[in-house]
Amino acid sequence: MSMEQILQLIPHRPPMLLIDEIVEFGEKSIVCRKAFCEDEFFVQGHYPGFALVPGVILLEACCQTGAVLVAKTLQESPDGKVPVLTRVDNAKFKQMVRPGDTVVLEAEIVEMISQAIYLKGRVKLRDKLAVTFDFVCSLAPRPA
């Protein structure tokens, strides 16, 4: 999937677009990749001398991955709505991610109930879990 297609599916734009590429796309799952650079605005001052990618940014990158999955899954929907994060549960941070690291972002649809989509998210660094969590999206009108 091209960057242009990603931009058509979700409203995120640089510098808050946190997906570099789609690696794999299935019916209920997606795998993306993101390489974090030293000049990313969110690592400036987090922490001086030992820069870390903030946990909330890792969650956001994985939620954007899930948003692409949901938007693509519902693309045939005539109402033109986009997925919006409504809840994060059970977040567990298992290892640090630093500038220069490339992470694999995985999202899987667990259940869809009316306007609520329940997903599982995983962030992997060097084939090991860095973050696991559950999240929920609801559908909202597409921004103009």
Protein backbone atom coordinates (compact mmCIF):
# COMPACT_ATOMS: atom_id res chain seq x y z
CA MET A 1 0.00 0.00 0.00
CA SER A 2 1.47 3.34 -1.01
CA MET A 3 1.85 6.37 1.27
CA GLU A 4 -0.78 8.12 -0.87
CA GLN A 5 -3.26 5.33 -0.11
CA ILE A 6 -2.47 5.54 3.61
CA LEU A 7 -3.08 9.30 3.51
CA GLN A 8 -6.47 8.68 1.90
CA LEU A 9 -7.49 6.26 4.64
CA ILE A 10 -6.55 8.20 7.79
CA PRO A 11 -6.45 11.93 8.54
CA HIS A 12 -2.99 11.93 10.18
CA ARG A 13 -0.29 14.05 8.53
CA PRO A 14 3.39 14.70 9.22
CA PRO A 15 4.82 15.24 11.70
CA MET A 16 2.15 13.12 13.45
CA LEU A 17 1.88 10.44 10.77
CA LEU A 18 3.78 7.62 12.47
CA ILE A 19 3.67 4.86 9.85
CA ASP A 20 6.41 4.53 7.24
CA GLU A 21 5.12 1.53 5.35
CA ILE A 22 2.55 -1.26 5.28
CA VAL A 23 4.31 -4.62 5.37
CA GLU A 24 1.33 -6.96 5.38
CA PHE A 25 -2.43 -6.54 5.17
CA GLY A 26 -4.98 -9.22 5.99
CA GLU A 27 -8.72 -9.37 6.49
CA LYS A 28 -8.51 -8.66 10.23
CA SER A 29 -4.85 -7.79 10.75
CA ILE A 30 -2.14 -5.46 9.54
CA VAL A 31 1.61 -5.10 9.98
CA CYS A 32 3.39 -1.78 9.51
CA ARG A 33 6.88 -0.42 10.09
CA LYS A 34 8.19 2.83 11.57
CA ALA A 35 11.82 3.96 11.79
CA PHE A 36 12.42 6.55 14.50
CA CYS A 37 15.02 9.24 13.78
CA GLU A 38 17.09 11.33 16.16
CA ASP A 39 15.49 14.57 14.93
CA GLU A 40 11.87 13.57 15.70
CA PHE A 41 10.27 16.41 17.65
CA PHE A 42 9.03 14.10 20.41
CA VAL A 43 12.48 12.84 21.40
CA GLN A 44 13.92 16.32 21.85
CA GLY A 45 14.32 16.60 25.62
CA HIS A 46 13.01 13.05 26.27
CA TYR A 47 15.64 12.49 27.78
CA PRO A 48 18.80 14.57 27.28
CA GLY A 49 21.78 12.25 26.93
CA PHE A 50 19.58 9.15 26.63
CA ALA A 51 16.81 9.84 24.12
CA LEU A 52 13.77 7.56 24.25
CA VAL A 53 10.71 7.38 22.07
CA PRO A 54 7.84 8.24 24.47
CA GLY A 55 5.47 5.37 25.24
CA VAL A 56 2.49 7.44 24.15
CA ILE A 57 4.10 7.80 20.69
CA LEU A 58 4.50 4.02 20.44
CA LEU A 59 0.84 3.62 21.33
CA GLU A 60 -0.15 6.29 18.78
CA ALA A 61 1.88 4.64 16.00
CA CYS A 62 0.21 1.31 16.66
CA CYS A 63 -3.24 2.93 16.91
CA GLN A 64 -2.63 4.58 13.53
CA THR A 65 -1.81 1.12 12.20
CA GLY A 66 -5.14 -0.08 13.54
CA ALA A 67 -6.88 2.95 12.03
CA VAL A 68 -5.54 2.05 8.58
CA LEU A 69 -6.83 -1.51 9.06
CA VAL A 70 -10.27 -0.34 10.17
CA ALA A 71 -10.54 2.32 7.44
CA LYS A 72 -9.50 -0.17 4.75
CA THR A 73 -11.89 -2.80 6.12
CA LEU A 74 -14.77 -0.30 6.11
CA GLN A 75 -13.72 1.47 2.89
CA GLU A 76 -16.88 0.40 1.11
CA SER A 77 -18.91 2.26 3.74
CA PRO A 78 -20.75 5.13 2.02
CA ASP A 79 -20.81 7.36 5.12
CA GLY A 80 -17.14 8.37 4.81
CA LYS A 81 -16.33 8.01 8.51
CA VAL A 82 -12.86 7.56 9.98
CA PRO A 83 -11.77 5.56 13.04
CA VAL A 84 -11.00 7.60 16.18
CA LEU A 85 -9.32 6.20 19.29
CA THR A 86 -11.70 6.03 22.24
CA ARG A 87 -9.98 3.75 24.75
CA VAL A 88 -6.65 2.13 25.60
CA ASP A 89 -6.46 -0.74 28.10
CA ASN A 90 -3.81 -3.06 29.51
CA ALA A 91 -0.80 -1.21 28.09
CA LYS A 92 2.44 -2.96 28.98
CA PHE A 93 5.83 -1.50 28.08
CA LYS A 94 8.40 -4.28 27.88
CA GLN A 95 11.46 -2.60 26.36
CA MET A 96 12.71 0.85 25.45
CA VAL A 97 12.65 2.18 21.90
CA ARG A 98 15.32 4.71 21.00
CA PRO A 99 16.01 6.97 18.02
CA GLY A 100 17.60 4.85 15.30
CA ASP A 101 15.33 1.88 16.09
CA THR A 102 12.80 0.50 13.61
CA VAL A 103 9.68 -1.05 15.09
CA VAL A 104 7.11 -3.41 13.66
CA LEU A 105 3.54 -2.34 14.44
CA GLU A 106 0.80 -4.95 14.51
CA ALA A 107 -2.94 -4.47 14.94
CA GLU A 108 -5.69 -7.05 14.89
CA ILE A 109 -9.45 -6.57 14.92
CA VAL A 110 -10.91 -8.65 17.74
CA GLU A 111 -14.56 -7.64 17.50
CA MET A 112 -16.84 -5.08 15.86
CA ILE A 113 -19.99 -4.06 17.70
CA SER A 114 -22.04 -1.36 15.99
CA GLN A 115 -19.78 1.73 15.83
CA ALA A 116 -17.12 0.26 18.20
CA ILE A 117 -14.13 -1.66 16.90
CA TYR A 118 -12.05 -3.60 19.46
CA LEU A 119 -8.41 -4.24 18.58
CA LYS A 120 -5.18 -5.69 19.97
CA GLY A 121 -1.94 -3.83 19.36
CA ARG A 122 1.68 -4.97 19.51
CA VAL A 123 4.90 -3.09 18.93
CA LYS A 124 7.97 -5.24 18.29
CA LEU A 125 11.61 -4.27 18.37
CA ARG A 126 14.13 -6.75 16.97
CA ASP A 127 11.45 -9.50 16.97
CA LYS A 128 10.71 -9.01 20.69
CA LEU A 129 7.64 -7.37 22.19
CA ALA A 130 8.16 -3.76 23.21
CA VAL A 131 4.51 -2.84 23.87
CA THR A 132 1.24 -4.75 24.09
CA PHE A 133 -2.20 -3.23 24.62
CA ASP A 134 -5.88 -3.36 23.77
CA PHE A 135 -7.70 -0.43 22.20
CA VAL A 136 -11.06 0.64 20.88
CA CYS A 137 -11.93 2.89 17.96
CA SER A 138 -15.27 4.41 17.09
CA LEU A 139 -16.29 5.95 13.82
CA ALA A 140 -16.44 9.74 13.47
CA PRO A 141 -17.16 12.09 10.56
CA ARG A 142 -14.14 12.64 8.30
CA PRO A 143 -12.53 16.07 8.94
CA ALA A 144 -13.08 18.56 6.15
